[in-house]
Amino acid sequence: MLTRDRLERAIGAGQESAPIYNLALSDYRYVHPDHSLEIVIDRLGQTPGLLPVVSRSNMQQLVGMITSESLMQFVKAKSQGGAAAVSRTEGDIVHHEPAA
C-alpha cells in the first residue's frame, strides 16, 4: 500500500523515479468483507487512516477501502435505523452488502 505521506516524502527526498514497490508499505493491516466491526475498528486504529478490504479468496483483489470518516458515516447510518449505507465521496469508499 502506498500512502500519500510516503509518496510526498519520497518526492521531497528526490526519489521521483523510484519504482512504486520501493515506496509502498510491505507490512500493512487489512480486513476481509466478513470481518466484524470490532476487528475493523481495531485494525483501522493501527493504520495511517486507510484500511484496505481484500477478498478472502484472492488476497490481491481489492474490494474496498475504509477510512475513519467513512466508518463513522456507516455507524451513524446504522444507528439511525437506516439500511446499509455506502459512502462514495472523493477519497472515501465503504463497500458492504446490504443487510438482509
Protein backbone atom coordinates (compact mmCIF):
# COMPACT_ATOMS: atom_id res chain seq x y z
CA MET A 1 0.00 0.00 0.00
CA LEU A 2 1.30 3.42 -0.88
CA THR A 3 0.14 6.30 1.28
CA ARG A 4 0.11 9.93 0.26
CA ASP A 5 2.52 10.73 3.10
CA ARG A 6 5.10 8.19 1.86
CA LEU A 7 4.73 9.45 -1.68
CA GLU A 8 5.22 13.09 -0.62
CA ARG A 9 8.26 12.16 1.47
CA ALA A 10 9.79 10.28 -1.48
CA ILE A 11 9.25 13.25 -3.80
CA GLY A 12 10.74 15.58 -1.18
CA ALA A 13 13.79 13.31 -0.98
CA GLY A 14 14.28 13.39 -4.77
CA GLN A 15 13.04 9.82 -5.36
CA GLU A 16 10.54 10.65 -8.13
CA SER A 17 11.94 7.94 -10.41
CA ALA A 18 11.99 5.19 -7.76
CA PRO A 19 9.78 2.17 -8.51
CA ILE A 20 6.50 2.18 -6.59
CA TYR A 21 7.30 -1.16 -4.93
CA ASN A 22 10.26 0.56 -3.24
CA LEU A 23 7.94 3.18 -1.74
CA ALA A 24 4.94 1.05 -0.80
CA LEU A 25 4.40 -0.35 2.67
CA SER A 26 5.00 -4.07 2.70
CA ASP A 27 3.55 -4.61 6.17
CA TYR A 28 0.07 -3.15 6.40
CA ARG A 29 -3.22 -4.00 8.03
CA TYR A 30 -6.27 -5.11 6.05
CA VAL A 31 -9.66 -6.71 6.60
CA HIS A 32 -11.91 -9.11 4.73
CA PRO A 33 -15.57 -8.34 3.90
CA ASP A 34 -16.76 -10.79 6.57
CA HIS A 35 -14.77 -9.28 9.45
CA SER A 36 -16.68 -7.81 12.38
CA LEU A 37 -16.93 -4.09 13.10
CA GLU A 38 -14.78 -4.68 16.19
CA ILE A 39 -11.92 -6.02 14.05
CA VAL A 40 -12.31 -3.18 11.54
CA ILE A 41 -12.09 -0.55 14.29
CA ASP A 42 -9.07 -2.26 15.87
CA ARG A 43 -7.17 -2.55 12.59
CA LEU A 44 -8.11 0.93 11.39
CA GLY A 45 -6.54 2.24 14.60
CA GLN A 46 -3.26 0.57 13.58
CA THR A 47 -3.12 2.28 10.17
CA PRO A 48 -2.39 5.76 8.85
CA GLY A 49 -6.15 6.17 8.36
CA LEU A 50 -6.72 3.90 5.38
CA LEU A 51 -7.77 0.25 5.67
CA PRO A 52 -7.94 -1.95 2.56
CA VAL A 53 -10.71 -4.54 2.32
CA VAL A 54 -9.44 -7.54 0.34
CA SER A 55 -11.12 -10.69 -0.91
CA ARG A 56 -10.59 -13.71 1.30
CA SER A 57 -10.32 -15.98 -1.77
CA ASN A 58 -7.94 -13.67 -3.68
CA MET A 59 -5.79 -11.52 -1.40
CA GLN A 60 -4.73 -9.37 -4.35
CA GLN A 61 -8.32 -8.38 -5.14
CA LEU A 62 -9.19 -5.06 -3.55
CA VAL A 63 -12.87 -4.99 -2.57
CA GLY A 64 -12.90 -1.52 -0.99
CA MET A 65 -11.19 0.96 1.29
CA ILE A 66 -12.28 2.16 4.72
CA THR A 67 -11.33 5.49 6.28
CA SER A 68 -12.16 6.73 9.77
CA GLU A 69 -14.63 9.19 8.29
CA SER A 70 -16.40 6.62 6.13
CA LEU A 71 -16.60 4.21 9.07
CA MET A 72 -18.24 6.90 11.21
CA GLN A 73 -20.75 7.63 8.41
CA PHE A 74 -21.63 3.93 8.27
CA VAL A 75 -22.03 3.59 12.04
CA LYS A 76 -24.16 6.75 12.17
CA ALA A 77 -26.43 5.50 9.37
CA LYS A 78 -26.83 2.10 11.04
CA SER A 79 -27.60 3.68 14.44
CA GLN A 80 -30.34 5.75 12.85
CA GLY A 81 -32.05 2.55 11.73
CA GLY A 82 -31.34 3.02 8.05
CA ALA A 83 -30.49 0.31 5.55
CA ALA A 84 -26.84 -0.37 4.86
CA ALA A 85 -25.21 2.83 3.73
CA VAL A 86 -22.49 3.19 1.14
CA SER A 87 -20.33 6.30 1.17
CA ARG A 88 -18.72 7.12 -2.13
CA THR A 89 -17.26 10.57 -1.62
CA GLU A 90 -13.91 11.56 -3.03
CA GLY A 91 -11.25 9.56 -1.23
CA ASP A 92 -13.66 7.61 0.97
CA ILE A 93 -15.24 4.35 -0.08
CA VAL A 94 -17.02 1.89 2.15
CA HIS A 95 -18.21 -1.26 0.43
CA HIS A 96 -20.53 -3.67 2.13
CA GLU A 97 -23.54 -5.80 1.38
CA PRO A 98 -27.00 -4.55 2.37
CA ALA A 99 -28.48 -6.10 5.47
CA ALA A 100 -30.91 -8.96 4.80
